Amino acid sequence: MSIFARIKNFFTDDSWSERHPRLEFILEVVKVAVVSLAIIIPVRYFLIQPFYVKGASMEPNFYNHDYLVVDELSYRFNEPKRGDIAIFKYPRDPKEYFIKRVIGLPGEVVEITGGKVKIYNNEHPEGLTLDESAYLDTNVETFGESSFNLGSDEYFVLGDNRPASLDSRSFGAVKKDFIVGKAWVRGWPVDKITVFNTPIYNLK
């Protein structure tokens, strides 16, 4: 009999189980733990991951110490969309992670003027003032008179707390490779549990 067959018989023998019930229980716990890790580890490292909000740059939609679950899978098959809440590596220090809203898409020109955001693209060569009322109060202004040309793999991101956000107005566009995923669920605090959807813009 092979060594593997002997080991199998050792653990499946009913008389052994009756003689060593405590050890059998421990082995069952170990098996459950191994199977659980085999499922959890790939999910944790390749599909979703936790993220803690730090700072006030996304208020009033996200607050300091909010606990988020980040969807890392979607951007492997689809491009980020305007309005997505993206988690990305800070371009000036990739060890840090930021959370901001995607505003400008690859190939577009983003202009900030008069407290508003204007988008220039193939559909709107004359420019279109972006309606952000889905997540910003009407009195919120986007400061900084400037214009940004986005490359084929670049995204323009802004914090919802426009007066107090370090974002693309300061550090420039974010390359696709730096984007980790998008906010999927807020799990904490409990009274603010939310599943996030991308806002629908009126781009007519």
N, C-alpha and C. Protein backbone atom coordinates (compact mmCIF):
# COMPACT_ATOMS: atom_id res chain seq x y z
N MET A 1 0.85 -1.20 0.00
CA MET A 1 0.00 0.00 0.00
C MET A 1 0.89 1.25 0.00
N SER A 2 0.53 2.23 -0.86
CA SER A 2 1.33 3.44 -0.95
C SER A 2 1.18 4.29 0.31
N ILE A 3 2.12 5.21 0.50
CA ILE A 3 2.09 6.07 1.67
C ILE A 3 0.85 6.96 1.65
N PHE A 4 0.41 7.40 0.45
CA PHE A 4 -0.77 8.25 0.35
C PHE A 4 -2.04 7.50 0.72
N ALA A 5 -2.09 6.22 0.32
CA ALA A 5 -3.26 5.40 0.67
C ALA A 5 -3.31 5.18 2.17
N ARG A 6 -2.15 4.98 2.79
CA ARG A 6 -2.11 4.79 4.24
C ARG A 6 -2.58 6.04 4.98
N ILE A 7 -2.15 7.19 4.49
CA ILE A 7 -2.57 8.44 5.13
C ILE A 7 -4.07 8.62 4.99
N LYS A 8 -4.60 8.32 3.79
CA LYS A 8 -6.04 8.45 3.57
C LYS A 8 -6.81 7.52 4.50
N ASN A 9 -6.36 6.29 4.61
CA ASN A 9 -7.04 5.33 5.49
C ASN A 9 -6.97 5.76 6.95
N PHE A 10 -5.83 6.39 7.30
CA PHE A 10 -5.64 6.82 8.69
C PHE A 10 -6.69 7.85 9.09
N PHE A 11 -6.97 8.79 8.14
CA PHE A 11 -7.90 9.86 8.47
C PHE A 11 -9.36 9.51 8.22
N THR A 12 -9.61 8.47 7.44
CA THR A 12 -11.00 8.11 7.13
C THR A 12 -11.48 6.88 7.89
N ASP A 13 -10.60 6.25 8.60
CA ASP A 13 -10.97 5.04 9.36
C ASP A 13 -11.93 5.40 10.50
N ASP A 14 -13.10 4.75 10.51
CA ASP A 14 -14.12 5.07 11.50
C ASP A 14 -13.66 4.77 12.91
N SER A 15 -12.95 3.67 13.09
CA SER A 15 -12.49 3.33 14.43
C SER A 15 -11.50 4.35 14.95
N TRP A 16 -10.66 4.88 14.04
CA TRP A 16 -9.71 5.93 14.47
C TRP A 16 -10.49 7.17 14.90
N SER A 17 -11.56 7.52 14.17
CA SER A 17 -12.36 8.71 14.49
C SER A 17 -13.01 8.57 15.86
N GLU A 18 -13.45 7.35 16.16
CA GLU A 18 -14.09 7.13 17.46
C GLU A 18 -13.08 7.22 18.59
N ARG A 19 -11.85 6.78 18.33
CA ARG A 19 -10.82 6.81 19.38
C ARG A 19 -10.25 8.21 19.60
N HIS A 20 -10.29 9.04 18.57
CA HIS A 20 -9.66 10.36 18.67
C HIS A 20 -10.63 11.45 18.21
N PRO A 21 -11.75 11.62 18.87
CA PRO A 21 -12.74 12.61 18.43
C PRO A 21 -12.23 14.04 18.46
N ARG A 22 -11.41 14.37 19.46
CA ARG A 22 -10.91 15.74 19.58
C ARG A 22 -9.97 16.08 18.43
N LEU A 23 -9.09 15.14 18.10
CA LEU A 23 -8.16 15.37 17.01
C LEU A 23 -8.89 15.45 15.67
N GLU A 24 -9.94 14.64 15.54
CA GLU A 24 -10.73 14.68 14.32
C GLU A 24 -11.38 16.05 14.16
N PHE A 25 -11.88 16.61 15.26
CA PHE A 25 -12.49 17.94 15.22
C PHE A 25 -11.47 18.99 14.77
N ILE A 26 -10.24 18.89 15.30
CA ILE A 26 -9.19 19.83 14.93
C ILE A 26 -8.88 19.74 13.44
N LEU A 27 -8.82 18.49 12.94
CA LEU A 27 -8.53 18.30 11.52
C LEU A 27 -9.65 18.87 10.65
N GLU A 28 -10.89 18.75 11.09
CA GLU A 28 -12.00 19.33 10.35
C GLU A 28 -11.90 20.84 10.30
N VAL A 29 -11.52 21.44 11.44
CA VAL A 29 -11.34 22.89 11.49
C VAL A 29 -10.24 23.32 10.53
N VAL A 30 -9.15 22.57 10.51
CA VAL A 30 -8.03 22.89 9.61
C VAL A 30 -8.48 22.81 8.16
N LYS A 31 -9.24 21.78 7.82
CA LYS A 31 -9.72 21.63 6.44
C LYS A 31 -10.60 22.81 6.03
N VAL A 32 -11.51 23.20 6.94
CA VAL A 32 -12.39 24.34 6.65
C VAL A 32 -11.56 25.61 6.46
N ALA A 33 -10.54 25.79 7.31
CA ALA A 33 -9.70 26.98 7.21
C ALA A 33 -8.94 27.01 5.89
N VAL A 34 -8.42 25.86 5.47
CA VAL A 34 -7.66 25.80 4.22
C VAL A 34 -8.56 26.12 3.03
N VAL A 35 -9.74 25.52 3.01
CA VAL A 35 -10.68 25.79 1.91
C VAL A 35 -11.11 27.25 1.91
N SER A 36 -11.36 27.82 3.09
CA SER A 36 -11.76 29.22 3.19
C SER A 36 -10.68 30.15 2.66
N LEU A 37 -9.43 29.87 3.04
CA LEU A 37 -8.32 30.69 2.57
C LEU A 37 -8.14 30.58 1.07
N ALA A 38 -8.37 29.38 0.53
CA ALA A 38 -8.25 29.19 -0.91
C ALA A 38 -9.26 30.03 -1.67
N ILE A 39 -10.38 30.33 -1.03
CA ILE A 39 -11.41 31.18 -1.65
C ILE A 39 -11.16 32.65 -1.35
N ILE A 40 -10.87 32.96 -0.10
CA ILE A 40 -10.77 34.36 0.35
C ILE A 40 -9.55 35.07 -0.23
N ILE A 41 -8.40 34.40 -0.26
CA ILE A 41 -7.16 35.07 -0.69
C ILE A 41 -7.26 35.57 -2.14
N PRO A 42 -7.70 34.74 -3.10
CA PRO A 42 -7.84 35.28 -4.46
C PRO A 42 -8.84 36.42 -4.55
N VAL A 43 -9.94 36.31 -3.81
CA VAL A 43 -10.94 37.39 -3.81
C VAL A 43 -10.34 38.67 -3.26
N ARG A 44 -9.60 38.54 -2.16
CA ARG A 44 -9.01 39.71 -1.50
C ARG A 44 -7.97 40.40 -2.37
N TYR A 45 -7.15 39.63 -3.07
CA TYR A 45 -6.04 40.23 -3.80
C TYR A 45 -6.31 40.50 -5.27
N PHE A 46 -7.37 39.91 -5.82
CA PHE A 46 -7.59 40.07 -7.25
C PHE A 46 -8.98 40.62 -7.60
N LEU A 47 -9.92 40.60 -6.68
CA LEU A 47 -11.27 41.02 -7.00
C LEU A 47 -11.73 42.23 -6.20
N ILE A 48 -11.60 42.18 -4.87
CA ILE A 48 -12.03 43.28 -4.03
C ILE A 48 -11.01 43.52 -2.94
N GLN A 49 -11.01 44.71 -2.38
CA GLN A 49 -10.15 45.00 -1.24
C GLN A 49 -10.78 46.11 -0.42
N PRO A 50 -10.43 46.16 0.87
CA PRO A 50 -10.98 47.23 1.72
C PRO A 50 -10.20 48.52 1.51
N PHE A 51 -10.87 49.64 1.80
CA PHE A 51 -10.23 50.95 1.70
C PHE A 51 -10.83 51.86 2.75
N TYR A 52 -9.96 52.55 3.48
CA TYR A 52 -10.41 53.50 4.49
C TYR A 52 -10.22 54.92 3.96
N VAL A 53 -11.28 55.69 4.02
CA VAL A 53 -11.20 57.08 3.59
C VAL A 53 -10.43 57.89 4.63
N LYS A 54 -9.48 58.66 4.15
CA LYS A 54 -8.71 59.53 5.03
C LYS A 54 -8.83 60.97 4.55
N GLY A 55 -9.25 61.84 5.43
CA GLY A 55 -9.36 63.25 5.07
C GLY A 55 -10.76 63.63 4.63
N ALA A 56 -10.89 64.90 4.24
CA ALA A 56 -12.21 65.48 3.95
C ALA A 56 -12.40 65.82 2.48
N SER A 57 -11.54 65.33 1.60
CA SER A 57 -11.58 65.76 0.20
C SER A 57 -12.82 65.30 -0.56
N MET A 58 -13.54 64.29 -0.03
CA MET A 58 -14.73 63.79 -0.73
C MET A 58 -16.02 64.12 0.01
N GLU A 59 -15.95 64.94 1.05
CA GLU A 59 -17.18 65.34 1.73
C GLU A 59 -18.05 66.18 0.80
N PRO A 60 -19.36 66.10 0.91
CA PRO A 60 -20.15 65.43 1.95
C PRO A 60 -20.57 64.01 1.58
N ASN A 61 -20.00 63.43 0.51
CA ASN A 61 -20.41 62.10 0.07
C ASN A 61 -19.62 60.98 0.74
N PHE A 62 -18.39 61.29 1.15
CA PHE A 62 -17.55 60.34 1.88
C PHE A 62 -16.86 61.11 3.00
N TYR A 63 -16.78 60.45 4.16
CA TYR A 63 -16.17 61.10 5.32
C TYR A 63 -14.97 60.31 5.82
N ASN A 64 -14.14 61.02 6.59
CA ASN A 64 -12.97 60.40 7.20
C ASN A 64 -13.37 59.14 7.96
N HIS A 65 -12.63 58.05 7.75
CA HIS A 65 -12.83 56.76 8.39
C HIS A 65 -14.00 55.95 7.83
N ASP A 66 -14.61 56.40 6.75
CA ASP A 66 -15.56 55.53 6.06
C ASP A 66 -14.81 54.28 5.59
N TYR A 67 -15.47 53.13 5.70
CA TYR A 67 -14.88 51.86 5.27
C TYR A 67 -15.55 51.45 3.96
N LEU A 68 -14.74 51.31 2.91
CA LEU A 68 -15.29 50.99 1.59
C LEU A 68 -14.78 49.64 1.11
N VAL A 69 -15.58 48.99 0.29
CA VAL A 69 -15.15 47.80 -0.43
C VAL A 69 -14.91 48.22 -1.87
N VAL A 70 -13.71 47.95 -2.37
CA VAL A 70 -13.30 48.41 -3.69
C VAL A 70 -13.41 47.28 -4.71
N ASP A 71 -14.09 47.56 -5.80
CA ASP A 71 -14.22 46.62 -6.91
C ASP A 71 -12.96 46.74 -7.79
N GLU A 72 -12.12 45.70 -7.76
CA GLU A 72 -10.91 45.71 -8.57
C GLU A 72 -11.07 44.98 -9.89
N LEU A 73 -12.21 44.34 -10.10
CA LEU A 73 -12.41 43.51 -11.28
C LEU A 73 -12.91 44.29 -12.49
N SER A 74 -13.83 45.21 -12.28
CA SER A 74 -14.50 45.88 -13.40
C SER A 74 -13.54 46.54 -14.37
N TYR A 75 -12.50 47.21 -13.84
CA TYR A 75 -11.60 47.93 -14.72
C TYR A 75 -10.63 47.03 -15.47
N ARG A 76 -10.69 45.73 -15.21
CA ARG A 76 -9.89 44.81 -16.02
C ARG A 76 -10.58 44.51 -17.34
N PHE A 77 -11.88 44.77 -17.40
CA PHE A 77 -12.66 44.50 -18.60
C PHE A 77 -13.30 45.75 -19.19
N ASN A 78 -13.44 46.79 -18.38
CA ASN A 78 -14.08 48.02 -18.85
C ASN A 78 -13.26 49.23 -18.42
N GLU A 79 -13.43 50.31 -19.15
CA GLU A 79 -12.72 51.54 -18.82
C GLU A 79 -13.48 52.31 -17.74
N PRO A 80 -12.77 53.09 -16.93
CA PRO A 80 -13.45 53.95 -15.96
C PRO A 80 -14.44 54.88 -16.66
N LYS A 81 -15.54 55.16 -15.99
CA LYS A 81 -16.57 56.02 -16.54
C LYS A 81 -16.60 57.37 -15.80
N ARG A 82 -17.08 58.37 -16.47
CA ARG A 82 -17.24 59.66 -15.84
C ARG A 82 -18.21 59.52 -14.66
N GLY A 83 -17.80 60.02 -13.51
CA GLY A 83 -18.63 59.92 -12.32
C GLY A 83 -18.25 58.79 -11.39
N ASP A 84 -17.45 57.83 -11.87
CA ASP A 84 -16.99 56.75 -11.00
C ASP A 84 -16.19 57.30 -9.83
N ILE A 85 -16.30 56.65 -8.68
CA ILE A 85 -15.45 56.98 -7.54
C ILE A 85 -14.24 56.06 -7.61
N ALA A 86 -13.12 56.60 -8.05
CA ALA A 86 -11.94 55.79 -8.31
C ALA A 86 -10.95 55.82 -7.15
N ILE A 87 -10.33 54.67 -6.90
CA ILE A 87 -9.22 54.57 -5.95
C ILE A 87 -7.98 54.35 -6.79
N PHE A 88 -6.97 55.15 -6.58
CA PHE A 88 -5.77 55.09 -7.42
C PHE A 88 -4.51 55.41 -6.62
N LYS A 89 -3.40 55.06 -7.20
CA LYS A 89 -2.10 55.39 -6.60
C LYS A 89 -1.80 56.86 -6.87
N TYR A 90 -1.38 57.56 -5.84
CA TYR A 90 -1.04 58.97 -5.96
C TYR A 90 0.13 59.11 -6.93
N PRO A 91 -0.03 59.86 -8.03
CA PRO A 91 1.04 59.95 -9.04
C PRO A 91 2.39 60.41 -8.51
N ARG A 92 2.38 61.21 -7.45
CA ARG A 92 3.65 61.72 -6.92
C ARG A 92 4.26 60.81 -5.87
N ASP A 93 3.50 59.83 -5.42
CA ASP A 93 4.00 58.86 -4.45
C ASP A 93 3.11 57.62 -4.53
N PRO A 94 3.44 56.66 -5.40
CA PRO A 94 2.58 55.49 -5.63
C PRO A 94 2.34 54.62 -4.41
N LYS A 95 3.03 54.88 -3.31
CA LYS A 95 2.77 54.13 -2.09
C LYS A 95 1.47 54.60 -1.41
N GLU A 96 1.04 55.80 -1.77
CA GLU A 96 -0.19 56.34 -1.21
C GLU A 96 -1.37 56.09 -2.15
N TYR A 97 -2.56 55.96 -1.56
CA TYR A 97 -3.76 55.74 -2.35
C TYR A 97 -4.76 56.87 -2.11
N PHE A 98 -5.34 57.37 -3.19
CA PHE A 98 -6.31 58.45 -3.12
C PHE A 98 -7.67 57.96 -3.59
N ILE A 99 -8.70 58.68 -3.19
CA ILE A 99 -10.05 58.45 -3.68
C ILE A 99 -10.58 59.76 -4.25
N LYS A 100 -11.01 59.73 -5.50
CA LYS A 100 -11.55 60.92 -6.17
C LYS A 100 -12.61 60.48 -7.18
N ARG A 101 -13.27 61.48 -7.76
CA ARG A 101 -14.29 61.19 -8.77
C ARG A 101 -13.70 61.41 -10.16
N VAL A 102 -13.97 60.48 -11.06
CA VAL A 102 -13.52 60.61 -12.45
C VAL A 102 -14.38 61.66 -13.15
N ILE A 103 -13.71 62.67 -13.70
CA ILE A 103 -14.42 63.77 -14.36
C ILE A 103 -14.10 63.83 -15.85
N GLY A 104 -12.83 63.73 -16.20
CA GLY A 104 -12.42 63.80 -17.60
C GLY A 104 -11.91 62.45 -18.09
N LEU A 105 -12.26 62.11 -19.34
CA LEU A 105 -11.89 60.81 -19.92
C LEU A 105 -10.78 60.98 -20.95
N PRO A 106 -10.11 59.89 -21.32
CA PRO A 106 -9.00 59.97 -22.28
C PRO A 106 -9.37 60.69 -23.57
N GLY A 107 -8.46 61.56 -24.01
CA GLY A 107 -8.66 62.30 -25.25
C GLY A 107 -9.46 63.56 -25.11
N GLU A 108 -10.04 63.82 -23.94
CA GLU A 108 -10.86 65.01 -23.75
C GLU A 108 -10.01 66.19 -23.28
N VAL A 109 -10.59 67.36 -23.37
CA VAL A 109 -10.02 68.56 -22.77
C VAL A 109 -10.94 68.98 -21.64
N VAL A 110 -10.37 69.16 -20.47
CA VAL A 110 -11.14 69.59 -19.30
C VAL A 110 -10.76 71.03 -19.00
N GLU A 111 -11.75 71.89 -18.98
CA GLU A 111 -11.51 73.30 -18.69
C GLU A 111 -12.26 73.69 -17.42
N ILE A 112 -11.58 74.35 -16.53
CA ILE A 112 -12.21 74.87 -15.32
C ILE A 112 -12.25 76.39 -15.44
N THR A 113 -13.45 76.89 -15.43
CA THR A 113 -13.61 78.33 -15.60
C THR A 113 -14.91 78.78 -14.94
N GLY A 114 -14.87 79.92 -14.29
CA GLY A 114 -16.05 80.47 -13.66
C GLY A 114 -16.66 79.56 -12.61
N GLY A 115 -15.84 78.73 -11.98
CA GLY A 115 -16.34 77.84 -10.93
C GLY A 115 -17.00 76.58 -11.46
N LYS A 116 -16.99 76.38 -12.78
CA LYS A 116 -17.62 75.21 -13.40
C LYS A 116 -16.60 74.38 -14.16
N VAL A 117 -16.99 73.14 -14.47
CA VAL A 117 -16.15 72.24 -15.26
C VAL A 117 -16.74 72.11 -16.64
N LYS A 118 -15.92 72.31 -17.64
CA LYS A 118 -16.37 72.22 -19.02
C LYS A 118 -15.60 71.11 -19.73
N ILE A 119 -16.32 70.28 -20.50
CA ILE A 119 -15.73 69.15 -21.19
C ILE A 119 -15.76 69.37 -22.69
N TYR A 120 -14.61 69.16 -23.34
CA TYR A 120 -14.51 69.22 -24.80
C TYR A 120 -14.14 67.83 -25.30
N ASN A 121 -14.94 67.31 -26.23
CA ASN A 121 -14.64 66.01 -26.84
C ASN A 121 -15.25 65.97 -28.24
N ASN A 122 -15.22 64.79 -28.88
CA ASN A 122 -15.73 64.67 -30.25
C ASN A 122 -17.22 65.00 -30.32
N GLU A 123 -17.97 64.63 -29.30
CA GLU A 123 -19.40 64.89 -29.29
C GLU A 123 -19.72 66.35 -29.01
N HIS A 124 -18.81 67.01 -28.31
CA HIS A 124 -19.05 68.40 -27.91
C HIS A 124 -17.78 69.24 -28.18
N PRO A 125 -17.48 69.45 -29.46
CA PRO A 125 -16.25 70.21 -29.79
C PRO A 125 -16.29 71.65 -29.30
N GLU A 126 -17.50 72.18 -29.09
CA GLU A 126 -17.63 73.55 -28.59
C GLU A 126 -17.60 73.61 -27.06
N GLY A 127 -17.60 72.44 -26.44
CA GLY A 127 -17.54 72.39 -24.99
C GLY A 127 -18.91 72.27 -24.35
N LEU A 128 -18.97 71.55 -23.25
CA LEU A 128 -20.22 71.34 -22.52
C LEU A 128 -19.95 71.50 -21.03
N THR A 129 -20.70 72.38 -20.39
CA THR A 129 -20.58 72.55 -18.94
C THR A 129 -21.18 71.34 -18.25
N LEU A 130 -20.40 70.70 -17.42
CA LEU A 130 -20.80 69.45 -16.79
C LEU A 130 -21.81 69.71 -15.66
N ASP A 131 -22.93 69.03 -15.72
CA ASP A 131 -23.95 69.13 -14.68
C ASP A 131 -23.60 68.12 -13.59
N GLU A 132 -23.14 68.61 -12.44
CA GLU A 132 -22.72 67.73 -11.35
C GLU A 132 -23.70 67.74 -10.18
N SER A 133 -24.93 68.10 -10.46
CA SER A 133 -25.93 68.24 -9.40
C SER A 133 -26.28 66.90 -8.74
N ALA A 134 -25.91 65.78 -9.36
CA ALA A 134 -26.21 64.46 -8.78
C ALA A 134 -25.43 64.22 -7.50
N TYR A 135 -24.29 64.92 -7.32
CA TYR A 135 -23.47 64.69 -6.13
C TYR A 135 -22.90 65.96 -5.52
N LEU A 136 -23.12 67.11 -6.14
CA LEU A 136 -22.65 68.38 -5.59
C LEU A 136 -23.82 69.34 -5.39
N ASP A 137 -23.77 70.11 -4.32
CA ASP A 137 -24.75 71.18 -4.14
C ASP A 137 -24.58 72.21 -5.24
N THR A 138 -25.65 72.87 -5.59
CA THR A 138 -25.60 73.83 -6.70
C THR A 138 -24.68 75.02 -6.42
N ASN A 139 -24.42 75.29 -5.13
CA ASN A 139 -23.58 76.44 -4.79
C ASN A 139 -22.09 76.10 -4.72
N VAL A 140 -21.74 74.83 -4.95
CA VAL A 140 -20.32 74.42 -4.90
C VAL A 140 -19.62 74.90 -6.16
N GLU A 141 -18.47 75.54 -5.99
CA GLU A 141 -17.69 76.01 -7.13
C GLU A 141 -16.38 75.23 -7.22
N THR A 142 -15.93 75.02 -8.45
CA THR A 142 -14.65 74.36 -8.71
C THR A 142 -13.63 75.45 -9.01
N PHE A 143 -12.75 75.69 -8.08
CA PHE A 143 -11.79 76.78 -8.22
C PHE A 143 -10.60 76.38 -9.09
N GLY A 144 -9.98 77.39 -9.70
CA GLY A 144 -8.78 77.16 -10.48
C GLY A 144 -9.03 77.33 -11.97
N GLU A 145 -8.72 78.50 -12.50
CA GLU A 145 -8.90 78.74 -13.94
C GLU A 145 -7.78 78.02 -14.69
N SER A 146 -8.14 76.94 -15.40
CA SER A 146 -7.11 76.15 -16.07
C SER A 146 -7.73 75.23 -17.11
N SER A 147 -6.86 74.65 -17.95
CA SER A 147 -7.29 73.74 -19.00
C SER A 147 -6.32 72.56 -19.05
N PHE A 148 -6.86 71.36 -19.26
CA PHE A 148 -6.04 70.15 -19.25
C PHE A 148 -6.36 69.29 -20.47
N ASN A 149 -5.34 68.96 -21.25
CA ASN A 149 -5.49 68.03 -22.37
C ASN A 149 -5.14 66.63 -21.89
N LEU A 150 -6.05 65.70 -22.02
CA LEU A 150 -5.83 64.34 -21.52
C LEU A 150 -5.33 63.43 -22.63
N GLY A 151 -4.32 62.62 -22.28
CA GLY A 151 -3.78 61.66 -23.23
C GLY A 151 -4.70 60.46 -23.40
N SER A 152 -4.26 59.49 -24.19
CA SER A 152 -5.09 58.34 -24.53
C SER A 152 -5.30 57.38 -23.35
N ASP A 153 -4.50 57.53 -22.30
CA ASP A 153 -4.64 56.66 -21.13
C ASP A 153 -4.74 57.46 -19.84
N GLU A 154 -5.24 58.69 -19.94
CA GLU A 154 -5.26 59.58 -18.79
C GLU A 154 -6.68 59.98 -18.40
N TYR A 155 -6.84 60.17 -17.08
CA TYR A 155 -8.14 60.55 -16.52
C TYR A 155 -7.96 61.76 -15.61
N PHE A 156 -8.94 62.64 -15.65
CA PHE A 156 -8.93 63.83 -14.80
C PHE A 156 -9.86 63.57 -13.63
N VAL A 157 -9.34 63.72 -12.41
CA VAL A 157 -10.12 63.39 -11.21
C VAL A 157 -10.21 64.60 -10.29
N LEU A 158 -11.36 64.70 -9.62
CA LEU A 158 -11.60 65.79 -8.67
C LEU A 158 -12.24 65.24 -7.41
N GLY A 159 -11.94 65.88 -6.28
CA GLY A 159 -12.63 65.55 -5.05
C GLY A 159 -13.97 66.26 -5.00
N ASP A 160 -14.94 65.67 -4.34
CA ASP A 160 -16.26 66.32 -4.25
C ASP A 160 -16.22 67.57 -3.39
N ASN A 161 -15.28 67.61 -2.45
CA ASN A 161 -15.10 68.81 -1.62
C ASN A 161 -14.15 69.74 -2.35
N ARG A 162 -14.65 70.39 -3.37
CA ARG A 162 -13.80 71.14 -4.30
C ARG A 162 -12.89 72.19 -3.64
N PRO A 163 -13.33 72.90 -2.60
CA PRO A 163 -12.43 73.88 -2.00
C PRO A 163 -11.28 73.26 -1.19
N ALA A 164 -11.39 71.97 -0.86
CA ALA A 164 -10.40 71.36 0.03
C ALA A 164 -9.95 70.00 -0.48
N SER A 165 -9.63 69.92 -1.77
CA SER A 165 -9.23 68.64 -2.34
C SER A 165 -7.93 68.76 -3.12
N LEU A 166 -7.00 67.87 -2.83
CA LEU A 166 -5.79 67.73 -3.63
C LEU A 166 -6.13 66.75 -4.75
N ASP A 167 -6.20 67.26 -5.98
CA ASP A 167 -6.65 66.43 -7.09
C ASP A 167 -5.94 66.81 -8.37
N SER A 168 -6.54 66.49 -9.51
CA SER A 168 -5.86 66.72 -10.80
C SER A 168 -5.59 68.19 -11.09
N ARG A 169 -6.25 69.07 -10.39
CA ARG A 169 -5.92 70.49 -10.54
C ARG A 169 -4.51 70.77 -10.06
N SER A 170 -4.03 69.91 -9.16
CA SER A 170 -2.70 70.09 -8.59
C SER A 170 -1.68 69.12 -9.19
N PHE A 171 -1.99 67.83 -9.16
CA PHE A 171 -0.99 66.83 -9.60
C PHE A 171 -1.21 66.32 -11.02
N GLY A 172 -2.19 66.87 -11.72
CA GLY A 172 -2.38 66.49 -13.11
C GLY A 172 -3.21 65.23 -13.30
N ALA A 173 -3.24 64.75 -14.52
CA ALA A 173 -4.05 63.59 -14.88
C ALA A 173 -3.48 62.32 -14.25
N VAL A 174 -4.34 61.32 -14.12
CA VAL A 174 -3.96 60.02 -13.57
C VAL A 174 -3.97 59.00 -14.69
N LYS A 175 -2.90 58.27 -14.85
CA LYS A 175 -2.83 57.25 -15.89
C LYS A 175 -3.64 56.02 -15.49
N LYS A 176 -4.15 55.32 -16.48
CA LYS A 176 -4.99 54.14 -16.23
C LYS A 176 -4.27 53.12 -15.36
N ASP A 177 -2.99 52.95 -15.56
CA ASP A 177 -2.24 51.95 -14.79
C ASP A 177 -2.22 52.25 -13.31
N PHE A 178 -2.48 53.49 -12.93
CA PHE A 178 -2.45 53.87 -11.52
C PHE A 178 -3.80 53.64 -10.84
N ILE A 179 -4.84 53.41 -11.63
CA ILE A 179 -6.17 53.24 -11.05
C ILE A 179 -6.35 51.80 -10.59
N VAL A 180 -6.65 51.63 -9.31
CA VAL A 180 -6.77 50.31 -8.69
C VAL A 180 -8.17 49.73 -8.87
N GLY A 181 -9.17 50.56 -8.69
CA GLY A 181 -10.55 50.07 -8.78
C GLY A 181 -11.51 51.20 -8.46
N LYS A 182 -12.76 50.84 -8.24
CA LYS A 182 -13.77 51.85 -7.93
C LYS A 182 -14.52 51.46 -6.67
N ALA A 183 -15.00 52.48 -5.96
CA ALA A 183 -15.76 52.23 -4.73
C ALA A 183 -17.04 51.49 -5.10
N TRP A 184 -17.28 50.39 -4.41
CA TRP A 184 -18.44 49.56 -4.69
C TRP A 184 -19.48 49.65 -3.57
N VAL A 185 -19.02 49.46 -2.33
CA VAL A 185 -19.93 49.45 -1.19
C VAL A 185 -19.29 50.21 -0.03
N ARG A 186 -20.10 51.00 0.69
CA ARG A 186 -19.65 51.55 1.97
C ARG A 186 -20.19 50.62 3.05
N GLY A 187 -19.27 50.01 3.81
CA GLY A 187 -19.68 49.05 4.84
C GLY A 187 -19.72 49.63 6.23
N TRP A 188 -19.11 50.80 6.41
CA TRP A 188 -19.07 51.42 7.73
C TRP A 188 -19.01 52.93 7.56
N PRO A 189 -19.73 53.69 8.36
CA PRO A 189 -20.57 53.28 9.49
C PRO A 189 -21.86 52.57 9.03
N VAL A 190 -22.40 51.78 9.94
CA VAL A 190 -23.53 50.93 9.61
C VAL A 190 -24.73 51.73 9.11
N ASP A 191 -24.96 52.90 9.70
CA ASP A 191 -26.14 53.68 9.30
C ASP A 191 -25.96 54.36 7.94
N LYS A 192 -24.78 54.21 7.33
CA LYS A 192 -24.54 54.80 6.01
C LYS A 192 -24.15 53.76 4.97
N ILE A 193 -24.50 52.50 5.21
CA ILE A 193 -24.18 51.45 4.24
C ILE A 193 -24.80 51.82 2.89
N THR A 194 -23.97 51.78 1.85
CA THR A 194 -24.41 52.23 0.53
C THR A 194 -23.76 51.39 -0.56
N VAL A 195 -24.53 51.07 -1.61
CA VAL A 195 -23.97 50.51 -2.83
C VAL A 195 -23.91 51.65 -3.85
N PHE A 196 -22.73 51.89 -4.40
CA PHE A 196 -22.53 53.06 -5.25
C PHE A 196 -22.80 52.76 -6.73
N ASN A 197 -23.49 53.68 -7.37
CA ASN A 197 -23.76 53.60 -8.80
C ASN A 197 -23.17 54.83 -9.48
N THR A 198 -22.75 54.66 -10.70
CA THR A 198 -22.22 55.79 -11.46
C THR A 198 -23.34 56.75 -11.84
N PRO A 199 -23.20 58.04 -11.55
CA PRO A 199 -24.26 58.99 -11.89
C PRO A 199 -24.47 59.11 -13.40
N ILE A 200 -25.67 59.42 -13.78
CA ILE A 200 -25.99 59.61 -15.20
C ILE A 200 -25.96 61.10 -15.50
N TYR A 201 -25.14 61.49 -16.48
CA TYR A 201 -25.00 62.89 -16.83
C TYR A 201 -25.89 63.24 -18.02
N ASN A 202 -26.38 64.45 -18.01
CA ASN A 202 -27.10 64.98 -19.17
C ASN A 202 -26.07 65.64 -20.06
N LEU A 203 -25.67 64.92 -21.11
CA LEU A 203 -24.61 65.42 -21.99
C LEU A 203 -25.14 65.90 -23.34
N LYS A 204 -26.42 66.27 -23.38
CA LYS A 204 -27.00 66.76 -24.62
C LYS A 204 -26.72 68.23 -24.80
